[in-house]
Amino acid sequence: MGIGTTQVIIILLVVLILFGGKKIPELAQGLGKGIKNFKDAVREGEEETTIKPTEKIENQNTTQTTQQTSEKKDINA
């Protein structure tokens, strides 16, 4: 069961009565800004959690260098 045309019209009339004609554009603008901010935050979160291939290589090189250094210390000790 979906929402019918009549129900949408009734909902819009109730919103118009509650908030008035002047407040509706302000509410819509605020809602749009909120959605935009949410999408931007989601994109930033995805960028932070995604490891780029070059970062992965750099991390592997650092790990290998650290392991080689510790092996050299063990041999010299």
C-alpha atoms as a PDB file:
ATOM      1  CA  MET A   1       0.000   0.000   0.000  1.00  0.00           C
ATOM      2  CA  GLY A   2       1.547   3.216  -1.107  1.00  0.00           C
ATOM      3  CA  ILE A   3       0.645   6.794  -0.485  1.00  0.00           C
ATOM      4  CA  GLY A   4      -2.030   7.992  -2.874  1.00  0.00           C
ATOM      5  CA  THR A   5      -2.446  11.361  -4.517  1.00  0.00           C
ATOM      6  CA  THR A   6      -5.220  12.362  -2.130  1.00  0.00           C
ATOM      7  CA  GLN A   7      -3.061  11.629   0.899  1.00  0.00           C
ATOM      8  CA  VAL A   8      -0.161  13.673  -0.509  1.00  0.00           C
ATOM      9  CA  ILE A   9      -2.490  16.631  -1.098  1.00  0.00           C
ATOM     10  CA  ILE A  10      -3.840  16.384   2.457  1.00  0.00           C
ATOM     11  CA  ILE A  11      -0.311  16.256   3.880  1.00  0.00           C
ATOM     12  CA  LEU A  12       0.720  19.307   1.844  1.00  0.00           C
ATOM     13  CA  LEU A  13      -2.358  21.228   3.029  1.00  0.00           C
ATOM     14  CA  VAL A  14      -1.609  20.389   6.663  1.00  0.00           C
ATOM     15  CA  VAL A  15       2.005  21.531   6.229  1.00  0.00           C
ATOM     16  CA  LEU A  16       0.805  24.744   4.581  1.00  0.00           C
ATOM     17  CA  ILE A  17      -1.619  25.418   7.427  1.00  0.00           C
ATOM     18  CA  LEU A  18       0.935  24.647  10.144  1.00  0.00           C
ATOM     19  CA  PHE A  19       3.868  26.604   8.766  1.00  0.00           C
ATOM     20  CA  GLY A  20       2.295  29.179   6.470  1.00  0.00           C
ATOM     21  CA  GLY A  21       3.331  30.153   2.966  1.00  0.00           C
ATOM     22  CA  LYS A  22       6.329  32.229   4.031  1.00  0.00           C
ATOM     23  CA  LYS A  23       8.010  29.563   6.154  1.00  0.00           C
ATOM     24  CA  ILE A  24       7.852  26.707   3.628  1.00  0.00           C
ATOM     25  CA  PRO A  25      10.646  28.040   1.330  1.00  0.00           C
ATOM     26  CA  GLU A  26      12.845  28.596   4.383  1.00  0.00           C
ATOM     27  CA  LEU A  27      12.171  25.050   5.602  1.00  0.00           C
ATOM     28  CA  ALA A  28      12.903  23.620   2.148  1.00  0.00           C
ATOM     29  CA  GLN A  29      16.147  25.595   1.933  1.00  0.00           C
ATOM     30  CA  GLY A  30      17.234  24.398   5.365  1.00  0.00           C
ATOM     31  CA  LEU A  31      16.373  20.810   4.463  1.00  0.00           C
ATOM     32  CA  GLY A  32      18.381  21.086   1.229  1.00  0.00           C
ATOM     33  CA  LYS A  33      21.429  22.458   3.060  1.00  0.00           C
ATOM     34  CA  GLY A  34      21.179  19.696   5.647  1.00  0.00           C
ATOM     35  CA  ILE A  35      21.075  17.006   2.969  1.00  0.00           C
ATOM     36  CA  LYS A  36      24.048  18.592   1.163  1.00  0.00           C
ATOM     37  CA  ASN A  37      26.086  18.732   4.386  1.00  0.00           C
ATOM     38  CA  PHE A  38      25.241  15.097   5.117  1.00  0.00           C
ATOM     39  CA  LYS A  39      26.345  13.973   1.642  1.00  0.00           C
ATOM     40  CA  ASP A  40      29.589  15.953   1.941  1.00  0.00           C
ATOM     41  CA  ALA A  41      30.314  14.357   5.321  1.00  0.00           C
ATOM     42  CA  VAL A  42      29.671  10.883   3.909  1.00  0.00           C
ATOM     43  CA  ARG A  43      32.050  11.573   0.998  1.00  0.00           C
ATOM     44  CA  GLU A  44      34.760  12.819   3.376  1.00  0.00           C
ATOM     45  CA  GLY A  45      34.348   9.723   5.522  1.00  0.00           C
ATOM     46  CA  GLU A  46      34.690   7.461   2.490  1.00  0.00           C
ATOM     47  CA  GLU A  47      37.829   9.306   1.363  1.00  0.00           C
ATOM     48  CA  GLU A  48      39.411   8.929   4.804  1.00  0.00           C
ATOM     49  CA  THR A  49      38.704   5.201   5.009  1.00  0.00           C
ATOM     50  CA  THR A  50      39.807   4.435   1.458  1.00  0.00           C
ATOM     51  CA  ILE A  51      43.515   3.639   1.275  1.00  0.00           C
ATOM     52  CA  LYS A  52      45.077   4.732  -1.971  1.00  0.00           C
ATOM     53  CA  PRO A  53      47.423   2.279  -3.730  1.00  0.00           C
ATOM     54  CA  THR A  54      50.406   4.625  -3.278  1.00  0.00           C
ATOM     55  CA  GLU A  55      49.779   4.860   0.468  1.00  0.00           C
ATOM     56  CA  LYS A  56      49.626   1.077   0.649  1.00  0.00           C
ATOM     57  CA  ILE A  57      53.000   0.781  -1.094  1.00  0.00           C
ATOM     58  CA  GLU A  58      54.535   3.400   1.202  1.00  0.00           C
ATOM     59  CA  ASN A  59      53.230   1.553   4.266  1.00  0.00           C
ATOM     60  CA  GLN A  60      54.659  -1.736   2.981  1.00  0.00           C
ATOM     61  CA  ASN A  61      58.046  -0.135   2.307  1.00  0.00           C
ATOM     62  CA  THR A  62      58.137   1.334   5.808  1.00  0.00           C
ATOM     63  CA  THR A  63      57.295  -2.046   7.321  1.00  0.00           C
ATOM     64  CA  GLN A  64      59.966  -3.814   5.277  1.00  0.00           C
ATOM     65  CA  THR A  65      62.573  -1.198   6.212  1.00  0.00           C
ATOM     66  CA  THR A  66      61.697  -1.556   9.896  1.00  0.00           C
ATOM     67  CA  GLN A  67      61.954  -5.347   9.691  1.00  0.00           C
ATOM     68  CA  GLN A  68      65.314  -5.157   7.910  1.00  0.00           C
ATOM     69  CA  THR A  69      66.659  -2.715  10.526  1.00  0.00           C
ATOM     70  CA  SER A  70      65.625  -4.975  13.397  1.00  0.00           C
ATOM     71  CA  GLU A  71      67.177  -8.004  11.663  1.00  0.00           C
ATOM     72  CA  LYS A  72      70.460  -6.103  11.275  1.00  0.00           C
ATOM     73  CA  LYS A  73      70.409  -5.212  14.972  1.00  0.00           C
ATOM     74  CA  ASP A  74      69.890  -8.895  15.860  1.00  0.00           C
ATOM     75  CA  ILE A  75      72.832  -9.934  13.691  1.00  0.00           C
ATOM     76  CA  ASN A  76      75.142  -7.267  15.156  1.00  0.00           C
ATOM     77  CA  ALA A  77      74.183  -8.075  18.754  1.00  0.00           C
END
